[in-house]
Structures are given as C-alpha cells and as structure tokens.
Protein backbone atom coordinates (compact mmCIF):
# COMPACT_ATOMS: atom_id res chain seq x y z
CA UNK A 1 105.82 142.18 83.61
CA UNK A 2 104.09 139.34 85.42
CA UNK A 3 106.03 136.14 86.03
CA UNK A 4 104.84 132.71 85.05
CA UNK A 5 102.61 130.99 87.57
CA UNK A 6 104.13 127.72 88.72
CA UNK A 7 102.14 124.98 90.38
CA UNK A 8 103.21 124.10 93.89
CA UNK A 9 104.73 120.57 93.94
CA UNK A 10 101.98 119.38 96.33
CA UNK A 11 99.31 120.09 93.72
CA UNK A 12 98.04 117.20 91.64
CA UNK A 13 96.61 113.71 91.99
CA UNK A 14 97.84 111.33 94.66
CA UNK A 15 97.30 107.64 95.42
CA UNK A 16 96.43 107.31 99.11
CA UNK A 17 97.72 104.50 101.28
CA UNK A 18 94.20 103.00 101.21
CA UNK A 19 94.30 102.95 97.39
CA UNK A 20 91.94 105.86 96.67
CA UNK A 21 92.85 108.84 94.51
CA UNK A 22 92.97 112.30 96.11
CA UNK A 23 93.37 115.65 94.36
CA UNK A 24 95.25 118.51 96.00
CA UNK A 25 94.60 121.95 94.53
CA UNK A 26 94.85 125.59 95.52
CA UNK A 27 97.23 128.50 95.70
CA UNK A 28 97.46 130.04 99.18
CA UNK A 29 95.56 127.18 100.83
CA UNK A 30 95.48 123.68 99.35
CA UNK A 31 92.31 121.61 99.61
CA UNK A 32 92.38 117.82 99.54
CA UNK A 33 89.43 116.10 97.89
CA UNK A 34 88.96 112.36 97.44
CA UNK A 35 88.34 111.48 93.79
CA UNK A 36 87.72 107.73 94.07
CA UNK A 37 86.62 105.15 96.57
CA UNK A 38 83.80 105.07 99.11
CA UNK A 39 84.15 108.77 100.03
CA UNK A 40 84.66 110.16 96.51
CA UNK A 41 83.88 113.89 96.34
CA UNK A 42 84.52 114.51 100.04
CA UNK A 43 86.97 117.27 100.95
CA UNK A 44 89.18 115.85 103.70
CA UNK A 45 91.74 118.54 104.36
CA UNK A 46 93.18 121.99 103.99
CA UNK A 47 96.89 122.84 104.17
CA UNK A 48 99.10 125.91 103.82
CA UNK A 49 102.76 125.93 102.92
CA UNK A 50 105.01 126.07 105.99
CA UNK A 51 108.29 126.22 104.05
CA UNK A 52 110.80 123.73 102.68
CA UNK A 53 108.24 121.20 101.29
CA UNK A 54 106.31 121.19 104.57
CA UNK A 55 102.62 121.98 104.97
CA UNK A 56 100.32 122.40 107.98
CA UNK A 57 96.56 122.51 108.38
CA UNK A 58 93.73 120.13 109.12
CA UNK A 59 92.89 116.63 107.94
CA UNK A 60 89.56 114.81 108.34
CA UNK A 61 89.15 111.06 108.65
CA UNK A 62 86.40 110.44 106.07
CA UNK A 63 85.16 107.35 107.90
CA UNK A 64 84.60 109.01 111.30
CA UNK A 65 84.29 112.62 110.07
CA UNK A 66 86.68 113.70 112.86
CA UNK A 67 89.11 116.52 112.06
CA UNK A 68 92.69 116.60 113.34
CA UNK A 69 95.60 118.99 113.15
CA UNK A 70 97.59 117.88 110.16
CA UNK A 71 100.98 118.14 108.60
CA UNK A 72 102.45 116.96 105.35
CA UNK A 73 106.02 116.59 104.15
CA UNK A 74 106.81 116.27 100.46
CA UNK A 75 109.82 114.21 99.38
CA UNK A 76 110.09 113.70 95.63
CA UNK A 77 106.91 111.91 94.56
CA UNK A 78 105.98 110.83 98.11
CA UNK A 79 103.84 112.80 100.54
CA UNK A 80 103.86 111.83 104.22
CA UNK A 81 100.51 112.87 105.71
CA UNK A 82 99.97 112.98 109.48
CA UNK A 83 96.93 113.70 111.61
CA UNK A 84 97.61 114.56 115.26
CA UNK A 85 95.82 115.11 118.57
CA UNK A 86 96.95 116.48 121.93
CA UNK A 87 99.13 119.16 120.37
CA UNK A 88 100.99 116.66 118.22
CA UNK A 89 101.72 114.14 120.97
CA UNK A 90 99.79 111.36 119.24
CA UNK A 91 99.91 111.16 115.44
CA UNK A 92 98.95 108.67 112.75
CA UNK A 93 100.75 108.87 109.43
CA UNK A 94 100.49 107.44 105.96
CA UNK A 95 102.41 107.96 102.76
CA UNK A 96 100.76 108.96 99.50
CA UNK A 97 102.35 108.68 96.05
CA UNK A 98 102.01 111.16 93.17
CA UNK A 99 100.20 109.86 90.10
C-alpha cells in the first residue's frame, strides 16, 4: 500500500526580501521561480534537501544573471536564503516569508 505524498515544507509561495513572490516546487530537486516583479517567470534557483530543514544548490541573481552556490534554512514560516562565492567564504543572505 502506497503512503500519502506529503509536500516538503519548503514548497509553496514565498515573499522575497525585495517584495516579489517566488514559488518553490519539486520533489527530489526544488526549483525556485519568480512569480511577480520585474523578473517574473524567471527560474532563479535549484535546491536539494540536505537534512533537518536545510537545502543546498544554486541561486541566480536575476539582475546580473550570475549563479552562486546556495543554501537555504527553513525555520517555521521563514526561509533564510544565501548565495556564496569562494567556497562559502563570502555570502549574501536574505530572509523570505511563506505566504
């Protein structure tokens, strides 16, 4: 008997720090697509679960189109997103909120 499929807590719609809406969807890999704002429709990231509400992958700055190693940490209805260079030595972070 197959078990019920449960959505991963990272899935859903999120308000970015810049005020746009982003959708996170997937199963093994989660894609991040902007749904509002100047870059609406652009896929800006891909993450995989790394355990204990942590995710790793890549994140793209939609303004510069540069891709960085990324990580995300889920805490309740907040998602801390970070893009890093130099093996994680320099990172920029922002917090998104679940809608």
